[in-house]
Amino acid sequence: MQLWETPKGDKWLCAGCRDERLEAIRKEKWRLIFERLDPELRCTACGHGDVDVED
């Protein structure tokens, strides 16, 4: 999961949603703050996590 600084506030994005938003990232000059692999983080766009947790 990546945390991005955007004009509308910070957003966590999964890899899939990041790829879908590459044009906006470049156009609006979003800044990547950092990456974190954490099963509890959820993407602000789709609501899913990058890591699947097995019970």
PDB file of N, CA and C in Angstrom:
ATOM      1  N   MET A   1       0.855  -1.160   0.000  1.00  0.00           N
ATOM      2  CA  MET A   1       0.000   0.000   0.000  1.00  0.00           C
ATOM      3  C   MET A   1       0.907   1.231   0.000  1.00  0.00           C
ATOM      4  N   GLN A   2       0.517   2.214  -0.769  1.00  0.00           N
ATOM      5  CA  GLN A   2       1.307   3.443  -0.850  1.00  0.00           C
ATOM      6  C   GLN A   2       0.481   4.630  -0.356  1.00  0.00           C
ATOM      7  N   LEU A   3       1.125   5.500   0.415  1.00  0.00           N
ATOM      8  CA  LEU A   3       0.486   6.722   0.888  1.00  0.00           C
ATOM      9  C   LEU A   3       0.908   7.857  -0.035  1.00  0.00           C
ATOM     10  N   TRP A   4      -0.071   8.514  -0.638  1.00  0.00           N
ATOM     11  CA  TRP A   4       0.177   9.601  -1.590  1.00  0.00           C
ATOM     12  C   TRP A   4      -0.339  10.913  -1.023  1.00  0.00           C
ATOM     13  N   GLU A   5       0.452  11.975  -1.182  1.00  0.00           N
ATOM     14  CA  GLU A   5       0.012  13.324  -0.851  1.00  0.00           C
ATOM     15  C   GLU A   5      -0.642  13.895  -2.102  1.00  0.00           C
ATOM     16  N   THR A   6      -1.925  14.243  -2.002  1.00  0.00           N
ATOM     17  CA  THR A   6      -2.671  14.766  -3.141  1.00  0.00           C
ATOM     18  C   THR A   6      -3.189  16.157  -2.810  1.00  0.00           C
ATOM     19  N   PRO A   7      -3.647  16.897  -3.806  1.00  0.00           N
ATOM     20  CA  PRO A   7      -4.221  18.223  -3.528  1.00  0.00           C
ATOM     21  C   PRO A   7      -5.447  18.160  -2.621  1.00  0.00           C
ATOM     22  N   LYS A   8      -6.128  16.998  -2.575  1.00  0.00           N
ATOM     23  CA  LYS A   8      -7.339  16.846  -1.765  1.00  0.00           C
ATOM     24  C   LYS A   8      -7.074  16.090  -0.466  1.00  0.00           C
ATOM     25  N   GLY A   9      -5.815  15.922  -0.102  1.00  0.00           N
ATOM     26  CA  GLY A   9      -5.476  15.212   1.130  1.00  0.00           C
ATOM     27  C   GLY A   9      -4.732  13.921   0.849  1.00  0.00           C
ATOM     28  N   ASP A  10      -4.184  13.324   1.895  1.00  0.00           N
ATOM     29  CA  ASP A  10      -3.410  12.096   1.754  1.00  0.00           C
ATOM     30  C   ASP A  10      -4.335  10.910   1.485  1.00  0.00           C
ATOM     31  N   LYS A  11      -3.850   9.989   0.617  1.00  0.00           N
ATOM     32  CA  LYS A  11      -4.657   8.815   0.260  1.00  0.00           C
ATOM     33  C   LYS A  11      -3.788   7.573   0.215  1.00  0.00           C
ATOM     34  N   TRP A  12      -4.301   6.486   0.795  1.00  0.00           N
ATOM     35  CA  TRP A  12      -3.673   5.179   0.644  1.00  0.00           C
ATOM     36  C   TRP A  12      -4.204   4.558  -0.633  1.00  0.00           C
ATOM     37  N   LEU A  13      -3.309   4.059  -1.491  1.00  0.00           N
ATOM     38  CA  LEU A  13      -3.723   3.411  -2.730  1.00  0.00           C
ATOM     39  C   LEU A  13      -3.064   2.046  -2.856  1.00  0.00           C
ATOM     40  N   CYS A  14      -3.866   1.057  -3.274  1.00  0.00           N
ATOM     41  CA  CYS A  14      -3.315  -0.263  -3.578  1.00  0.00           C
ATOM     42  C   CYS A  14      -2.661  -0.197  -4.960  1.00  0.00           C
ATOM     43  N   ALA A  15      -1.952  -1.240  -5.316  1.00  0.00           N
ATOM     44  CA  ALA A  15      -1.220  -1.258  -6.590  1.00  0.00           C
ATOM     45  C   ALA A  15      -2.161  -1.113  -7.783  1.00  0.00           C
ATOM     46  N   GLY A  16      -3.304  -1.781  -7.749  1.00  0.00           N
ATOM     47  CA  GLY A  16      -4.257  -1.712  -8.865  1.00  0.00           C
ATOM     48  C   GLY A  16      -4.835  -0.324  -9.057  1.00  0.00           C
ATOM     49  N   CYS A  17      -5.256   0.301  -7.983  1.00  0.00           N
ATOM     50  CA  CYS A  17      -5.835   1.649  -8.075  1.00  0.00           C
ATOM     51  C   CYS A  17      -4.774   2.678  -8.437  1.00  0.00           C
ATOM     52  N   ARG A  18      -3.562   2.479  -7.963  1.00  0.00           N
ATOM     53  CA  ARG A  18      -2.462   3.378  -8.336  1.00  0.00           C
ATOM     54  C   ARG A  18      -2.263   3.350  -9.844  1.00  0.00           C
ATOM     55  N   ASP A  19      -2.252   2.144 -10.429  1.00  0.00           N
ATOM     56  CA  ASP A  19      -2.065   2.019 -11.871  1.00  0.00           C
ATOM     57  C   ASP A  19      -3.199   2.686 -12.646  1.00  0.00           C
ATOM     58  N   GLU A  20      -4.418   2.607 -12.122  1.00  0.00           N
ATOM     59  CA  GLU A  20      -5.576   3.231 -12.773  1.00  0.00           C
ATOM     60  C   GLU A  20      -5.521   4.758 -12.699  1.00  0.00           C
ATOM     61  N   ARG A  21      -4.803   5.290 -11.728  1.00  0.00           N
ATOM     62  CA  ARG A  21      -4.753   6.739 -11.505  1.00  0.00           C
ATOM     63  C   ARG A  21      -3.426   7.378 -11.908  1.00  0.00           C
ATOM     64  N   LEU A  22      -2.623   6.693 -12.680  1.00  0.00           N
ATOM     65  CA  LEU A  22      -1.314   7.226 -13.068  1.00  0.00           C
ATOM     66  C   LEU A  22      -1.411   8.581 -13.756  1.00  0.00           C
ATOM     67  N   GLU A  23      -2.421   8.761 -14.589  1.00  0.00           N
ATOM     68  CA  GLU A  23      -2.577  10.040 -15.291  1.00  0.00           C
ATOM     69  C   GLU A  23      -2.826  11.177 -14.294  1.00  0.00           C
ATOM     70  N   ALA A  24      -3.709  10.960 -13.332  1.00  0.00           N
ATOM     71  CA  ALA A  24      -3.983  11.985 -12.316  1.00  0.00           C
ATOM     72  C   ALA A  24      -2.753  12.221 -11.450  1.00  0.00           C
ATOM     73  N   ILE A  25      -2.036  11.157 -11.119  1.00  0.00           N
ATOM     74  CA  ILE A  25      -0.826  11.279 -10.297  1.00  0.00           C
ATOM     75  C   ILE A  25       0.185  12.187 -10.980  1.00  0.00           C
ATOM     76  N   ARG A  26       0.354  11.990 -12.266  1.00  0.00           N
ATOM     77  CA  ARG A  26       1.315  12.824 -13.021  1.00  0.00           C
ATOM     78  C   ARG A  26       0.797  14.238 -13.223  1.00  0.00           C
ATOM     79  N   LYS A  27      -0.471  14.355 -13.607  1.00  0.00           N
ATOM     80  CA  LYS A  27      -1.054  15.658 -13.912  1.00  0.00           C
ATOM     81  C   LYS A  27      -1.119  16.551 -12.675  1.00  0.00           C
ATOM     82  N   GLU A  28      -1.574  16.006 -11.554  1.00  0.00           N
ATOM     83  CA  GLU A  28      -1.733  16.781 -10.335  1.00  0.00           C
ATOM     84  C   GLU A  28      -0.480  16.765  -9.454  1.00  0.00           C
ATOM     85  N   LYS A  29       0.562  16.059  -9.928  1.00  0.00           N
ATOM     86  CA  LYS A  29       1.858  15.982  -9.236  1.00  0.00           C
ATOM     87  C   LYS A  29       1.720  15.477  -7.801  1.00  0.00           C
ATOM     88  N   TRP A  30       1.035  14.317  -7.683  1.00  0.00           N
ATOM     89  CA  TRP A  30       0.943  13.680  -6.370  1.00  0.00           C
ATOM     90  C   TRP A  30       2.342  13.291  -5.938  1.00  0.00           C
ATOM     91  N   ARG A  31       2.587  13.297  -4.626  1.00  0.00           N
ATOM     92  CA  ARG A  31       3.900  12.940  -4.096  1.00  0.00           C
ATOM     93  C   ARG A  31       3.763  11.678  -3.249  1.00  0.00           C
ATOM     94  N   LEU A  32       4.588  10.678  -3.580  1.00  0.00           N
ATOM     95  CA  LEU A  32       4.604   9.438  -2.805  1.00  0.00           C
ATOM     96  C   LEU A  32       5.294   9.705  -1.479  1.00  0.00           C
ATOM     97  N   ILE A  33       4.593   9.479  -0.391  1.00  0.00           N
ATOM     98  CA  ILE A  33       5.162   9.713   0.928  1.00  0.00           C
ATOM     99  C   ILE A  33       5.935   8.479   1.385  1.00  0.00           C
ATOM    100  N   PHE A  34       5.290   7.306   1.376  1.00  0.00           N
ATOM    101  CA  PHE A  34       5.986   6.062   1.689  1.00  0.00           C
ATOM    102  C   PHE A  34       5.099   4.862   1.368  1.00  0.00           C
ATOM    103  N   GLU A  35       5.701   3.680   1.405  1.00  0.00           N
ATOM    104  CA  GLU A  35       4.998   2.417   1.191  1.00  0.00           C
ATOM    105  C   GLU A  35       5.003   1.626   2.484  1.00  0.00           C
ATOM    106  N   ARG A  36       3.941   0.868   2.707  1.00  0.00           N
ATOM    107  CA  ARG A  36       3.880   0.023   3.885  1.00  0.00           C
ATOM    108  C   ARG A  36       3.104  -1.245   3.543  1.00  0.00           C
ATOM    109  N   LEU A  37       3.645  -2.371   3.933  1.00  0.00           N
ATOM    110  CA  LEU A  37       2.983  -3.651   3.760  1.00  0.00           C
ATOM    111  C   LEU A  37       2.318  -3.986   5.086  1.00  0.00           C
ATOM    112  N   ASP A  38       1.022  -3.707   5.173  1.00  0.00           N
ATOM    113  CA  ASP A  38       0.283  -3.889   6.421  1.00  0.00           C
ATOM    114  C   ASP A  38      -1.097  -4.449   6.077  1.00  0.00           C
ATOM    115  N   PRO A  39      -1.446  -5.626   6.604  1.00  0.00           N
ATOM    116  CA  PRO A  39      -2.729  -6.244   6.256  1.00  0.00           C
ATOM    117  C   PRO A  39      -3.948  -5.457   6.722  1.00  0.00           C
ATOM    118  N   GLU A  40      -3.780  -4.505   7.625  1.00  0.00           N
ATOM    119  CA  GLU A  40      -4.919  -3.733   8.118  1.00  0.00           C
ATOM    120  C   GLU A  40      -5.209  -2.483   7.289  1.00  0.00           C
ATOM    121  N   LEU A  41      -4.274  -2.059   6.441  1.00  0.00           N
ATOM    122  CA  LEU A  41      -4.491  -0.862   5.619  1.00  0.00           C
ATOM    123  C   LEU A  41      -5.468  -1.163   4.494  1.00  0.00           C
ATOM    124  N   ARG A  42      -6.300  -0.196   4.171  1.00  0.00           N
ATOM    125  CA  ARG A  42      -7.273  -0.326   3.093  1.00  0.00           C
ATOM    126  C   ARG A  42      -7.122   0.832   2.120  1.00  0.00           C
ATOM    127  N   CYS A  43      -7.297   0.526   0.850  1.00  0.00           N
ATOM    128  CA  CYS A  43      -7.224   1.520  -0.216  1.00  0.00           C
ATOM    129  C   CYS A  43      -8.404   2.489  -0.095  1.00  0.00           C
ATOM    130  N   THR A  44      -8.140   3.782  -0.240  1.00  0.00           N
ATOM    131  CA  THR A  44      -9.221   4.767  -0.154  1.00  0.00           C
ATOM    132  C   THR A  44     -10.112   4.729  -1.390  1.00  0.00           C
ATOM    133  N   ALA A  45      -9.635   4.150  -2.481  1.00  0.00           N
ATOM    134  CA  ALA A  45     -10.432   4.097  -3.710  1.00  0.00           C
ATOM    135  C   ALA A  45     -11.350   2.875  -3.760  1.00  0.00           C
ATOM    136  N   CYS A  46     -10.787   1.678  -3.491  1.00  0.00           N
ATOM    137  CA  CYS A  46     -11.575   0.451  -3.651  1.00  0.00           C
ATOM    138  C   CYS A  46     -11.934  -0.227  -2.334  1.00  0.00           C
ATOM    139  N   GLY A  47     -11.230   0.139  -1.257  1.00  0.00           N
ATOM    140  CA  GLY A  47     -11.536  -0.441   0.040  1.00  0.00           C
ATOM    141  C   GLY A  47     -10.860  -1.773   0.328  1.00  0.00           C
ATOM    142  N   HIS A  48     -10.062  -2.263  -0.609  1.00  0.00           N
ATOM    143  CA  HIS A  48      -9.362  -3.530  -0.424  1.00  0.00           C
ATOM    144  C   HIS A  48      -7.938  -3.290   0.069  1.00  0.00           C
ATOM    145  N   GLY A  49      -7.341  -4.353   0.603  1.00  0.00           N
ATOM    146  CA  GLY A  49      -5.955  -4.282   1.049  1.00  0.00           C
ATOM    147  C   GLY A  49      -5.016  -4.917   0.038  1.00  0.00           C
ATOM    148  N   ASP A  50      -3.740  -4.687   0.191  1.00  0.00           N
ATOM    149  CA  ASP A  50      -2.733  -5.317  -0.668  1.00  0.00           C
ATOM    150  C   ASP A  50      -2.406  -6.737  -0.219  1.00  0.00           C
ATOM    151  N   VAL A  51      -2.679  -7.031   1.048  1.00  0.00           N
ATOM    152  CA  VAL A  51      -2.284  -8.310   1.636  1.00  0.00           C
ATOM    153  C   VAL A  51      -3.539  -9.099   2.000  1.00  0.00           C
ATOM    154  N   ASP A  52      -3.598 -10.357   1.587  1.00  0.00           N
ATOM    155  CA  ASP A  52      -4.689 -11.236   1.994  1.00  0.00           C
ATOM    156  C   ASP A  52      -4.296 -11.945   3.271  1.00  0.00           C
ATOM    157  N   VAL A  53      -5.143 -11.859   4.266  1.00  0.00           N
ATOM    158  CA  VAL A  53      -4.863 -12.476   5.552  1.00  0.00           C
ATOM    159  C   VAL A  53      -5.623 -13.794   5.634  1.00  0.00           C
ATOM    160  N   GLU A  54      -4.912 -14.878   5.910  1.00  0.00           N
ATOM    161  CA  GLU A  54      -5.558 -16.164   6.053  1.00  0.00           C
ATOM    162  C   GLU A  54      -5.907 -16.404   7.518  1.00  0.00           C
ATOM    163  N   ASP A  55      -7.077 -16.950   7.759  1.00  0.00           N
ATOM    164  CA  ASP A  55      -7.515 -17.217   9.142  1.00  0.00           C
ATOM    165  C   ASP A  55      -6.879 -18.449   9.696  1.00  0.00           C
TER     166      ASP A  55
END
